[in-house]
């Protein structure tokens, strides 16, 4: 069904005259098999940006660990089209990941982390981001099978968690979506 006046919310032109449920259904048919999680112990203001990035890169779902409340302004209405799940504790997220056969990948600039640009990110995974400031909690660090960092070249110790989420999701897209498009149609091999 098309909307008579068009949708003025933050949607691409393709969806402008579609009803909300039709947009979500179309996105659901095309979602990628990676998930994104962010810890929210101190009411992190970056969650809206993480949700908006997840929508832009068509993540399967966003998981918010900790406080249920978050500032939706940064999502720019994309939370209406993105699946979001709340977990009271990191253990709940890990149980979900295990039950869904998702590898847990931490994203933080911790000692021992490996540069994300040098890693072959798993296709079925949950990328976990810590709270702005303290980073990944100790429980999240221990649960991650791999922790990646984003290589930086300036004087700052770290980058914003919302920005980091976009970089990490794009790294996943480059490996699992863009690489596939470099081969002829119908050929499932990757251009490694």
N, C-alpha and C. Protein backbone atom coordinates (compact mmCIF):
# COMPACT_ATOMS: atom_id res chain seq x y z
N UNK A 1 0.83 -1.18 0.00
CA UNK A 1 0.00 0.00 0.00
C UNK A 1 0.88 1.25 0.00
N UNK A 2 0.50 2.21 -0.74
CA UNK A 2 1.26 3.45 -0.82
C UNK A 2 0.60 4.54 0.01
N UNK A 3 1.41 5.37 0.61
CA UNK A 3 0.89 6.51 1.36
C UNK A 3 0.56 7.63 0.37
N UNK A 4 -0.57 8.25 0.53
CA UNK A 4 -1.03 9.28 -0.42
C UNK A 4 -0.05 10.45 -0.53
N UNK A 5 0.47 10.94 0.58
CA UNK A 5 1.34 12.11 0.57
C UNK A 5 2.82 11.76 0.63
N UNK A 6 3.14 10.50 0.74
CA UNK A 6 4.55 10.12 0.86
C UNK A 6 5.03 10.20 2.30
N UNK A 7 6.06 9.44 2.59
CA UNK A 7 6.62 9.36 3.93
C UNK A 7 7.73 10.39 4.06
N UNK A 8 7.57 11.32 4.98
CA UNK A 8 8.57 12.38 5.15
C UNK A 8 9.62 12.02 6.21
N UNK A 9 9.52 10.81 6.78
CA UNK A 9 10.51 10.38 7.76
C UNK A 9 11.82 10.06 7.07
N UNK A 10 12.80 9.65 7.82
CA UNK A 10 14.15 9.40 7.30
C UNK A 10 14.20 8.07 6.55
N UNK A 11 13.62 8.05 5.34
CA UNK A 11 13.68 6.85 4.51
C UNK A 11 14.18 7.24 3.12
N UNK A 12 14.81 6.30 2.44
CA UNK A 12 15.27 6.54 1.07
C UNK A 12 14.05 6.70 0.17
N UNK A 13 14.25 7.33 -0.97
CA UNK A 13 13.13 7.60 -1.88
C UNK A 13 12.35 6.35 -2.26
N UNK A 14 13.03 5.23 -2.36
CA UNK A 14 12.37 3.97 -2.72
C UNK A 14 11.19 3.68 -1.80
N UNK A 15 11.32 4.03 -0.52
CA UNK A 15 10.29 3.71 0.47
C UNK A 15 9.35 4.87 0.76
N UNK A 16 9.48 5.96 0.09
CA UNK A 16 8.74 7.17 0.45
C UNK A 16 7.23 6.98 0.51
N UNK A 17 6.67 6.20 -0.34
CA UNK A 17 5.21 6.02 -0.37
C UNK A 17 4.75 4.69 0.22
N UNK A 18 5.64 4.02 0.92
CA UNK A 18 5.31 2.73 1.53
C UNK A 18 4.84 2.93 2.97
N UNK A 19 3.98 2.03 3.44
CA UNK A 19 3.60 1.99 4.85
C UNK A 19 4.76 1.41 5.66
N UNK A 20 4.80 1.77 6.92
CA UNK A 20 5.84 1.31 7.83
C UNK A 20 6.03 -0.20 7.80
N UNK A 21 4.94 -0.96 7.95
CA UNK A 21 5.05 -2.43 7.99
C UNK A 21 5.62 -3.00 6.70
N UNK A 22 5.29 -2.39 5.57
CA UNK A 22 5.81 -2.86 4.30
C UNK A 22 7.31 -2.60 4.20
N UNK A 23 7.77 -1.48 4.73
CA UNK A 23 9.20 -1.16 4.72
C UNK A 23 9.95 -2.18 5.57
N UNK A 24 9.46 -2.44 6.78
CA UNK A 24 10.12 -3.39 7.67
C UNK A 24 10.15 -4.78 7.04
N UNK A 25 9.05 -5.19 6.43
CA UNK A 25 9.00 -6.51 5.79
C UNK A 25 10.02 -6.62 4.66
N UNK A 26 10.15 -5.56 3.87
CA UNK A 26 11.13 -5.58 2.78
C UNK A 26 12.55 -5.63 3.34
N UNK A 27 12.83 -4.86 4.38
CA UNK A 27 14.15 -4.90 5.00
C UNK A 27 14.44 -6.28 5.58
N UNK A 28 13.42 -6.89 6.20
CA UNK A 28 13.60 -8.22 6.81
C UNK A 28 13.98 -9.27 5.77
N UNK A 29 13.53 -9.13 4.57
CA UNK A 29 13.88 -10.09 3.51
C UNK A 29 15.35 -9.97 3.11
N UNK A 30 15.98 -8.82 3.42
CA UNK A 30 17.34 -8.56 2.95
C UNK A 30 18.37 -8.38 4.06
N UNK A 31 17.96 -8.47 5.32
CA UNK A 31 18.90 -8.20 6.43
C UNK A 31 20.11 -9.11 6.39
N UNK A 32 21.24 -8.58 6.85
CA UNK A 32 22.48 -9.35 6.92
C UNK A 32 22.52 -10.15 8.21
N UNK A 33 23.34 -11.21 8.26
CA UNK A 33 23.35 -12.08 9.44
C UNK A 33 24.24 -11.62 10.60
N UNK A 34 24.66 -10.35 10.61
CA UNK A 34 25.42 -9.87 11.77
C UNK A 34 24.51 -9.05 12.67
N UNK A 35 24.81 -9.08 13.96
CA UNK A 35 24.08 -8.32 14.97
C UNK A 35 25.05 -7.31 15.58
N UNK A 36 24.51 -6.32 16.25
CA UNK A 36 25.31 -5.30 16.92
C UNK A 36 24.79 -5.16 18.35
N UNK A 37 25.71 -5.04 19.29
CA UNK A 37 25.31 -4.85 20.69
C UNK A 37 26.10 -3.69 21.28
N UNK A 38 25.46 -2.96 22.17
CA UNK A 38 26.15 -1.89 22.90
C UNK A 38 25.74 -1.95 24.36
N UNK A 39 26.73 -1.79 25.23
CA UNK A 39 26.46 -1.78 26.66
C UNK A 39 25.94 -0.40 27.06
N UNK A 40 24.96 -0.37 27.94
CA UNK A 40 24.30 0.88 28.35
C UNK A 40 24.17 0.93 29.86
N UNK A 41 25.29 0.97 30.55
CA UNK A 41 25.27 0.98 32.01
C UNK A 41 25.06 2.38 32.57
N UNK A 42 25.48 3.40 31.84
CA UNK A 42 25.40 4.78 32.35
C UNK A 42 24.61 5.69 31.41
N UNK A 43 23.65 5.13 30.70
CA UNK A 43 22.80 5.87 29.76
C UNK A 43 23.65 6.51 28.66
N UNK A 44 24.23 5.66 27.83
CA UNK A 44 25.12 6.10 26.76
C UNK A 44 24.35 6.84 25.67
N UNK A 45 24.82 8.01 25.30
CA UNK A 45 24.17 8.83 24.28
C UNK A 45 24.48 8.36 22.86
N UNK A 46 25.38 7.42 22.70
CA UNK A 46 25.76 6.92 21.38
C UNK A 46 24.81 5.87 20.82
N UNK A 47 23.89 5.39 21.61
CA UNK A 47 23.04 4.28 21.16
C UNK A 47 22.23 4.66 19.93
N UNK A 48 21.72 5.87 19.88
CA UNK A 48 20.97 6.30 18.70
C UNK A 48 21.80 6.22 17.44
N UNK A 49 23.06 6.60 17.53
CA UNK A 49 23.96 6.51 16.37
C UNK A 49 24.21 5.06 15.99
N UNK A 50 24.37 4.20 16.97
CA UNK A 50 24.59 2.77 16.70
C UNK A 50 23.36 2.20 15.97
N UNK A 51 22.17 2.56 16.44
CA UNK A 51 20.94 2.08 15.80
C UNK A 51 20.86 2.60 14.37
N UNK A 52 21.15 3.86 14.17
CA UNK A 52 21.10 4.44 12.81
C UNK A 52 22.11 3.75 11.90
N UNK A 53 23.32 3.50 12.39
CA UNK A 53 24.32 2.78 11.60
C UNK A 53 23.86 1.36 11.29
N UNK A 54 23.28 0.69 12.27
CA UNK A 54 22.79 -0.68 12.06
C UNK A 54 21.73 -0.71 10.97
N UNK A 55 20.87 0.30 10.95
CA UNK A 55 19.86 0.39 9.90
C UNK A 55 20.53 0.64 8.55
N UNK A 56 21.50 1.53 8.51
CA UNK A 56 22.18 1.86 7.25
C UNK A 56 22.89 0.65 6.65
N UNK A 57 23.46 -0.20 7.52
CA UNK A 57 24.19 -1.37 7.04
C UNK A 57 23.35 -2.64 7.09
N UNK A 58 22.08 -2.52 7.44
CA UNK A 58 21.09 -3.60 7.43
C UNK A 58 21.45 -4.76 8.36
N UNK A 59 21.84 -4.43 9.58
CA UNK A 59 22.12 -5.45 10.59
C UNK A 59 20.84 -6.19 10.94
N UNK A 60 20.98 -7.43 11.33
CA UNK A 60 19.82 -8.23 11.70
C UNK A 60 19.10 -7.62 12.91
N UNK A 61 19.88 -7.19 13.90
CA UNK A 61 19.27 -6.71 15.14
C UNK A 61 20.29 -5.92 15.94
N UNK A 62 19.79 -4.98 16.74
CA UNK A 62 20.62 -4.24 17.70
C UNK A 62 20.24 -4.73 19.09
N UNK A 63 21.25 -5.00 19.90
CA UNK A 63 21.05 -5.46 21.27
C UNK A 63 21.58 -4.39 22.22
N UNK A 64 20.75 -3.99 23.15
CA UNK A 64 21.15 -3.01 24.16
C UNK A 64 21.24 -3.75 25.49
N UNK A 65 22.43 -3.72 26.08
CA UNK A 65 22.70 -4.44 27.33
C UNK A 65 22.77 -3.44 28.47
N UNK A 66 21.97 -3.66 29.51
CA UNK A 66 21.97 -2.75 30.65
C UNK A 66 20.67 -2.00 30.72
N UNK A 67 20.75 -0.70 30.91
CA UNK A 67 19.54 0.11 31.04
C UNK A 67 18.70 0.05 29.77
N UNK A 68 17.40 -0.03 29.97
CA UNK A 68 16.49 -0.12 28.83
C UNK A 68 16.28 1.23 28.16
N UNK A 69 16.36 2.31 28.92
CA UNK A 69 16.15 3.65 28.36
C UNK A 69 17.37 4.11 27.59
N UNK A 70 17.12 4.76 26.45
CA UNK A 70 18.20 5.34 25.67
C UNK A 70 17.63 6.51 24.88
N UNK A 71 18.50 7.42 24.49
CA UNK A 71 18.10 8.63 23.78
C UNK A 71 17.90 8.30 22.30
N UNK A 72 16.66 8.32 21.85
CA UNK A 72 16.33 7.93 20.48
C UNK A 72 16.60 9.02 19.44
N UNK A 73 16.90 10.21 19.87
CA UNK A 73 17.10 11.31 18.92
C UNK A 73 18.18 11.02 17.89
N UNK A 74 19.27 10.42 18.32
CA UNK A 74 20.36 10.12 17.40
C UNK A 74 20.02 9.08 16.36
N UNK A 75 18.98 8.30 16.61
CA UNK A 75 18.56 7.27 15.65
C UNK A 75 17.86 7.87 14.44
N UNK A 76 17.41 9.11 14.55
CA UNK A 76 16.74 9.80 13.44
C UNK A 76 15.60 8.96 12.85
N UNK A 77 14.79 8.37 13.70
CA UNK A 77 13.58 7.60 13.37
C UNK A 77 13.92 6.21 12.80
N UNK A 78 15.20 5.87 12.61
CA UNK A 78 15.53 4.56 12.06
C UNK A 78 15.19 3.43 13.02
N UNK A 79 15.01 3.73 14.30
CA UNK A 79 14.62 2.70 15.25
C UNK A 79 13.25 2.11 14.92
N UNK A 80 12.45 2.81 14.14
CA UNK A 80 11.15 2.28 13.72
C UNK A 80 11.30 1.13 12.74
N UNK A 81 12.45 1.04 12.08
CA UNK A 81 12.68 0.04 11.04
C UNK A 81 13.72 -1.01 11.42
N UNK A 82 14.35 -0.81 12.56
CA UNK A 82 15.43 -1.69 13.01
C UNK A 82 14.97 -2.52 14.19
N UNK A 83 15.22 -3.82 14.17
CA UNK A 83 14.86 -4.68 15.31
C UNK A 83 15.82 -4.38 16.46
N UNK A 84 15.25 -4.14 17.63
CA UNK A 84 16.04 -3.81 18.82
C UNK A 84 15.60 -4.74 19.95
N UNK A 85 16.58 -5.33 20.61
CA UNK A 85 16.31 -6.25 21.72
C UNK A 85 17.07 -5.77 22.95
N UNK A 86 16.45 -5.85 24.10
CA UNK A 86 17.08 -5.44 25.35
C UNK A 86 17.49 -6.67 26.16
N UNK A 87 18.68 -6.59 26.77
CA UNK A 87 19.18 -7.64 27.68
C UNK A 87 19.57 -6.97 28.99
N UNK A 88 19.13 -7.53 30.10
CA UNK A 88 19.43 -6.93 31.40
C UNK A 88 20.92 -7.04 31.74
N UNK A 89 21.56 -8.10 31.30
CA UNK A 89 22.96 -8.33 31.66
C UNK A 89 23.71 -8.91 30.46
N UNK A 90 25.03 -8.80 30.50
CA UNK A 90 25.85 -9.30 29.40
C UNK A 90 25.68 -10.81 29.26
N UNK A 91 25.42 -11.50 30.37
CA UNK A 91 25.22 -12.95 30.31
C UNK A 91 24.00 -13.30 29.46
N UNK A 92 22.98 -12.45 29.50
CA UNK A 92 21.78 -12.68 28.68
C UNK A 92 22.10 -12.55 27.20
N UNK A 93 22.92 -11.54 26.86
CA UNK A 93 23.34 -11.38 25.46
C UNK A 93 24.16 -12.59 25.02
N UNK A 94 25.06 -13.07 25.88
CA UNK A 94 25.90 -14.20 25.51
C UNK A 94 25.06 -15.47 25.31
N UNK A 95 24.04 -15.64 26.13
CA UNK A 95 23.15 -16.79 25.96
C UNK A 95 22.40 -16.69 24.63
N UNK A 96 21.97 -15.48 24.28
CA UNK A 96 21.32 -15.28 22.98
C UNK A 96 22.28 -15.62 21.85
N UNK A 97 23.52 -15.12 21.93
CA UNK A 97 24.50 -15.35 20.88
C UNK A 97 24.77 -16.85 20.72
N UNK A 98 24.95 -17.53 21.83
CA UNK A 98 25.22 -18.97 21.76
C UNK A 98 24.03 -19.72 21.16
N UNK A 99 22.83 -19.37 21.61
CA UNK A 99 21.62 -20.02 21.08
C UNK A 99 21.35 -19.73 19.62
N UNK A 100 21.92 -18.63 19.11
CA UNK A 100 21.73 -18.23 17.71
C UNK A 100 22.96 -18.53 16.85
N UNK A 101 23.94 -19.24 17.41
CA UNK A 101 25.18 -19.58 16.71
C UNK A 101 25.88 -18.34 16.16
N UNK A 102 25.99 -17.31 17.01
CA UNK A 102 26.66 -16.07 16.64
C UNK A 102 27.98 -15.98 17.40
N UNK A 103 29.06 -15.74 16.69
CA UNK A 103 30.35 -15.53 17.34
C UNK A 103 30.36 -14.12 17.94
N UNK A 104 30.89 -13.98 19.13
CA UNK A 104 30.94 -12.69 19.81
C UNK A 104 32.28 -12.02 19.51
N UNK A 105 32.20 -10.82 18.90
CA UNK A 105 33.39 -10.06 18.55
C UNK A 105 33.34 -8.72 19.29
N UNK A 106 34.26 -8.51 20.19
CA UNK A 106 34.35 -7.24 20.89
C UNK A 106 35.06 -6.21 20.01
N UNK A 107 34.65 -4.97 20.11
CA UNK A 107 35.32 -3.89 19.37
C UNK A 107 35.74 -2.85 20.40
N UNK A 108 37.06 -2.79 20.66
CA UNK A 108 37.60 -1.88 21.66
C UNK A 108 39.11 -1.83 21.47
N UNK A 109 39.73 -0.74 21.86
CA UNK A 109 41.18 -0.60 21.68
C UNK A 109 41.92 -1.08 22.92
N UNK A 110 41.68 -2.31 23.29
CA UNK A 110 42.30 -2.91 24.48
C UNK A 110 43.65 -3.54 24.13
N UNK A 111 44.53 -3.67 25.11
CA UNK A 111 45.78 -4.40 24.85
C UNK A 111 45.44 -5.82 24.37
N UNK A 112 46.12 -6.26 23.32
CA UNK A 112 45.88 -7.59 22.77
C UNK A 112 44.82 -7.63 21.68
N UNK A 113 44.11 -6.53 21.46
CA UNK A 113 43.11 -6.53 20.39
C UNK A 113 43.85 -6.48 19.05
N UNK A 114 43.19 -6.99 18.01
CA UNK A 114 43.80 -7.04 16.69
C UNK A 114 43.14 -6.00 15.78
N UNK A 115 43.89 -5.37 14.90
CA UNK A 115 43.31 -4.36 14.02
C UNK A 115 42.18 -4.96 13.17
N UNK A 116 41.04 -4.30 13.16
CA UNK A 116 39.87 -4.83 12.45
C UNK A 116 40.13 -4.97 10.96
N UNK A 117 41.01 -4.12 10.42
CA UNK A 117 41.30 -4.21 8.99
C UNK A 117 42.14 -5.43 8.63
N UNK A 118 42.68 -6.13 9.64
CA UNK A 118 43.48 -7.33 9.39
C UNK A 118 42.74 -8.61 9.72
N UNK A 119 41.48 -8.49 10.12
CA UNK A 119 40.70 -9.64 10.60
C UNK A 119 39.65 -10.04 9.57
N UNK A 120 39.44 -11.32 9.44
CA UNK A 120 38.34 -11.84 8.63
C UNK A 120 37.14 -12.00 9.57
N UNK A 121 36.31 -10.96 9.66
CA UNK A 121 35.17 -11.00 10.57
C UNK A 121 34.25 -12.16 10.22
N UNK A 122 33.76 -12.88 11.23
CA UNK A 122 32.83 -13.98 10.95
C UNK A 122 31.53 -13.47 10.33
N UNK A 123 30.95 -14.27 9.45
CA UNK A 123 29.71 -13.84 8.81
C UNK A 123 28.56 -13.77 9.82
N UNK A 124 28.45 -14.77 10.66
CA UNK A 124 27.40 -14.78 11.68
C UNK A 124 28.04 -14.37 13.01
N UNK A 125 27.83 -13.13 13.39
CA UNK A 125 28.48 -12.63 14.59
C UNK A 125 27.64 -11.53 15.23
N UNK A 126 28.03 -11.19 16.45
CA UNK A 126 27.50 -10.01 17.11
C UNK A 126 28.71 -9.14 17.46
N UNK A 127 28.72 -7.94 16.92
CA UNK A 127 29.77 -6.97 17.20
C UNK A 127 29.37 -6.22 18.47
N UNK A 128 30.19 -6.31 19.50
CA UNK A 128 29.84 -5.74 20.81
C UNK A 128 30.70 -4.51 21.09
N UNK A 129 30.03 -3.41 21.43
CA UNK A 129 30.68 -2.14 21.74
C UNK A 129 30.42 -1.79 23.19
N UNK A 130 31.43 -1.25 23.83
CA UNK A 130 31.30 -0.87 25.22
C UNK A 130 30.72 0.52 25.38
N UNK A 131 30.47 0.84 26.62
CA UNK A 131 29.99 2.16 27.01
C UNK A 131 31.04 3.20 26.66
N UNK A 132 30.61 4.35 26.20
CA UNK A 132 31.54 5.45 25.93
C UNK A 132 32.31 5.76 27.22
N UNK A 133 33.60 5.81 27.13
CA UNK A 133 34.45 6.08 28.31
C UNK A 133 35.11 4.80 28.79
N UNK A 134 34.38 3.97 29.56
CA UNK A 134 35.04 2.77 30.09
C UNK A 134 35.25 1.66 29.07
N UNK A 135 34.56 1.71 27.95
CA UNK A 135 34.72 0.65 26.94
C UNK A 135 33.99 -0.62 27.35
N UNK A 136 34.43 -1.73 26.78
CA UNK A 136 33.79 -3.02 27.08
C UNK A 136 33.94 -3.39 28.55
N UNK A 137 32.87 -3.91 29.12
CA UNK A 137 32.94 -4.38 30.50
C UNK A 137 33.83 -5.61 30.56
N UNK A 138 34.29 -5.93 31.75
CA UNK A 138 35.13 -7.11 31.95
C UNK A 138 34.40 -8.37 31.48
N UNK A 139 33.11 -8.46 31.76
CA UNK A 139 32.32 -9.63 31.35
C UNK A 139 32.26 -9.75 29.84
N UNK A 140 32.09 -8.63 29.14
CA UNK A 140 32.04 -8.65 27.68
C UNK A 140 33.40 -9.05 27.11
N UNK A 141 34.47 -8.55 27.71
CA UNK A 141 35.82 -8.90 27.25
C UNK A 141 36.06 -10.40 27.36
N UNK A 142 35.66 -10.96 28.48
CA UNK A 142 35.86 -12.40 28.70
C UNK A 142 35.01 -13.25 27.76
N UNK A 143 33.83 -12.77 27.40
CA UNK A 143 32.92 -13.54 26.56
C UNK A 143 33.29 -13.49 25.08
N UNK A 144 34.01 -12.47 24.67
CA UNK A 144 34.35 -12.31 23.25
C UNK A 144 35.40 -13.32 22.83
N UNK A 145 35.16 -13.97 21.70
CA UNK A 145 36.17 -14.90 21.17
C UNK A 145 37.27 -14.15 20.45
N UNK A 146 37.00 -12.89 20.11
CA UNK A 146 37.93 -12.05 19.39
C UNK A 146 37.65 -10.60 19.77
N UNK A 147 38.68 -9.82 19.96
CA UNK A 147 38.50 -8.39 20.19
C UNK A 147 39.30 -7.62 19.15
N UNK A 148 38.61 -6.74 18.44
CA UNK A 148 39.22 -5.95 17.38
C UNK A 148 39.34 -4.50 17.80
N UNK A 149 40.36 -3.85 17.29
CA UNK A 149 40.53 -2.41 17.49
C UNK A 149 40.47 -1.73 16.13
N UNK A 150 40.24 -0.43 16.14
CA UNK A 150 40.23 0.36 14.92
C UNK A 150 41.51 1.19 14.93
N UNK A 151 42.34 0.99 13.94
CA UNK A 151 43.63 1.68 13.89
C UNK A 151 43.42 3.18 13.79
N UNK A 152 44.11 3.91 14.64
CA UNK A 152 44.03 5.37 14.69
C UNK A 152 45.42 5.96 14.49
N UNK A 153 45.47 7.19 14.03
CA UNK A 153 46.75 7.80 13.69
C UNK A 153 46.99 9.14 14.38
N UNK A 154 46.00 9.66 15.10
CA UNK A 154 46.15 10.96 15.73
C UNK A 154 46.52 10.85 17.19
N UNK A 155 46.22 11.90 17.94
CA UNK A 155 46.62 11.96 19.34
C UNK A 155 45.55 11.46 20.31
N UNK A 156 44.32 11.27 19.85
CA UNK A 156 43.26 10.84 20.76
C UNK A 156 43.41 9.38 21.14
N UNK A 157 43.04 9.05 22.37
CA UNK A 157 43.14 7.68 22.87
C UNK A 157 42.11 6.77 22.24
N UNK A 158 40.93 7.32 21.94
CA UNK A 158 39.87 6.48 21.40
C UNK A 158 38.94 7.32 20.54
N UNK A 159 38.09 6.63 19.78
CA UNK A 159 37.07 7.33 19.00
C UNK A 159 35.71 7.04 19.59
N UNK A 160 34.76 7.87 19.26
CA UNK A 160 33.39 7.77 19.73
C UNK A 160 32.80 6.39 19.41
N UNK A 161 32.05 5.82 20.35
CA UNK A 161 31.47 4.48 20.17
C UNK A 161 30.52 4.43 18.97
N UNK A 162 29.78 5.50 18.73
CA UNK A 162 28.89 5.54 17.57
C UNK A 162 29.67 5.49 16.27
N UNK A 163 30.76 6.24 16.20
CA UNK A 163 31.62 6.23 15.02
C UNK A 163 32.27 4.86 14.85
N UNK A 164 32.78 4.30 15.95
CA UNK A 164 33.41 2.98 15.90
C UNK A 164 32.43 1.93 15.37
N UNK A 165 31.17 2.03 15.75
CA UNK A 165 30.19 1.05 15.28
C UNK A 165 30.04 1.12 13.77
N UNK A 166 30.01 2.33 13.22
CA UNK A 166 29.89 2.48 11.77
C UNK A 166 31.10 1.91 11.03
N UNK A 167 32.28 2.15 11.57
CA UNK A 167 33.50 1.62 10.95
C UNK A 167 33.49 0.10 10.98
N UNK A 168 33.15 -0.48 12.13
CA UNK A 168 33.14 -1.94 12.26
C UNK A 168 32.08 -2.58 11.36
N UNK A 169 30.90 -1.99 11.30
CA UNK A 169 29.86 -2.55 10.43
C UNK A 169 30.28 -2.46 8.97
N UNK A 170 30.91 -1.37 8.60
CA UNK A 170 31.37 -1.24 7.22
C UNK A 170 32.45 -2.26 6.91
N UNK A 171 33.31 -2.57 7.88
CA UNK A 171 34.32 -3.62 7.68
C UNK A 171 33.63 -4.95 7.41
N UNK A 172 32.55 -5.24 8.14
CA UNK A 172 31.79 -6.47 7.89
C UNK A 172 31.19 -6.45 6.49
N UNK A 173 30.61 -5.33 6.09
CA UNK A 173 29.99 -5.18 4.77
C UNK A 173 31.03 -5.39 3.66
N UNK A 174 32.20 -4.80 3.82
CA UNK A 174 33.25 -4.94 2.80
C UNK A 174 33.64 -6.40 2.63
N UNK A 175 33.68 -7.14 3.71
CA UNK A 175 34.10 -8.55 3.65
C UNK A 175 33.00 -9.45 3.11
N UNK A 176 31.79 -9.24 3.54
CA UNK A 176 30.72 -10.22 3.24
C UNK A 176 29.72 -9.78 2.18
N UNK A 177 29.68 -8.52 1.84
CA UNK A 177 28.73 -8.06 0.82
C UNK A 177 29.47 -7.54 -0.40
N UNK A 178 30.34 -6.57 -0.21
CA UNK A 178 31.06 -5.98 -1.34
C UNK A 178 31.92 -7.02 -2.03
N UNK A 179 32.61 -7.87 -1.28
CA UNK A 179 33.47 -8.90 -1.88
C UNK A 179 32.67 -9.84 -2.77
N UNK A 180 31.45 -10.16 -2.40
CA UNK A 180 30.61 -11.04 -3.21
C UNK A 180 30.19 -10.38 -4.51
N UNK A 181 30.00 -9.09 -4.49
CA UNK A 181 29.56 -8.37 -5.69
C UNK A 181 30.68 -8.22 -6.72
N UNK A 182 31.91 -8.53 -6.33
CA UNK A 182 33.03 -8.42 -7.26
C UNK A 182 33.14 -9.64 -8.17
N UNK A 183 32.35 -10.67 -7.90
CA UNK A 183 32.36 -11.87 -8.74
C UNK A 183 31.12 -11.86 -9.63
N UNK A 184 31.13 -12.60 -10.75
CA UNK A 184 29.97 -12.60 -11.65
C UNK A 184 28.69 -13.04 -10.95
N UNK A 185 27.55 -12.51 -11.42
CA UNK A 185 26.25 -12.87 -10.85
C UNK A 185 26.08 -14.38 -10.86
N UNK A 186 25.50 -14.88 -9.78
CA UNK A 186 25.22 -16.30 -9.67
C UNK A 186 26.40 -17.10 -9.14
N UNK A 187 27.56 -16.52 -9.07
CA UNK A 187 28.74 -17.21 -8.57
C UNK A 187 28.92 -16.85 -7.11
N UNK A 188 28.80 -17.82 -6.22
CA UNK A 188 28.84 -17.54 -4.79
C UNK A 188 30.26 -17.44 -4.24
N UNK A 189 31.26 -17.70 -5.07
CA UNK A 189 32.64 -17.54 -4.57
C UNK A 189 32.91 -16.07 -4.26
N UNK A 190 33.83 -15.84 -3.38
CA UNK A 190 34.19 -14.47 -3.01
C UNK A 190 35.45 -14.04 -3.72
N UNK A 191 35.56 -12.75 -3.90
CA UNK A 191 36.77 -12.20 -4.53
C UNK A 191 37.76 -11.87 -3.43
N UNK A 192 38.48 -12.88 -2.96
CA UNK A 192 39.45 -12.69 -1.87
C UNK A 192 40.77 -12.20 -2.39
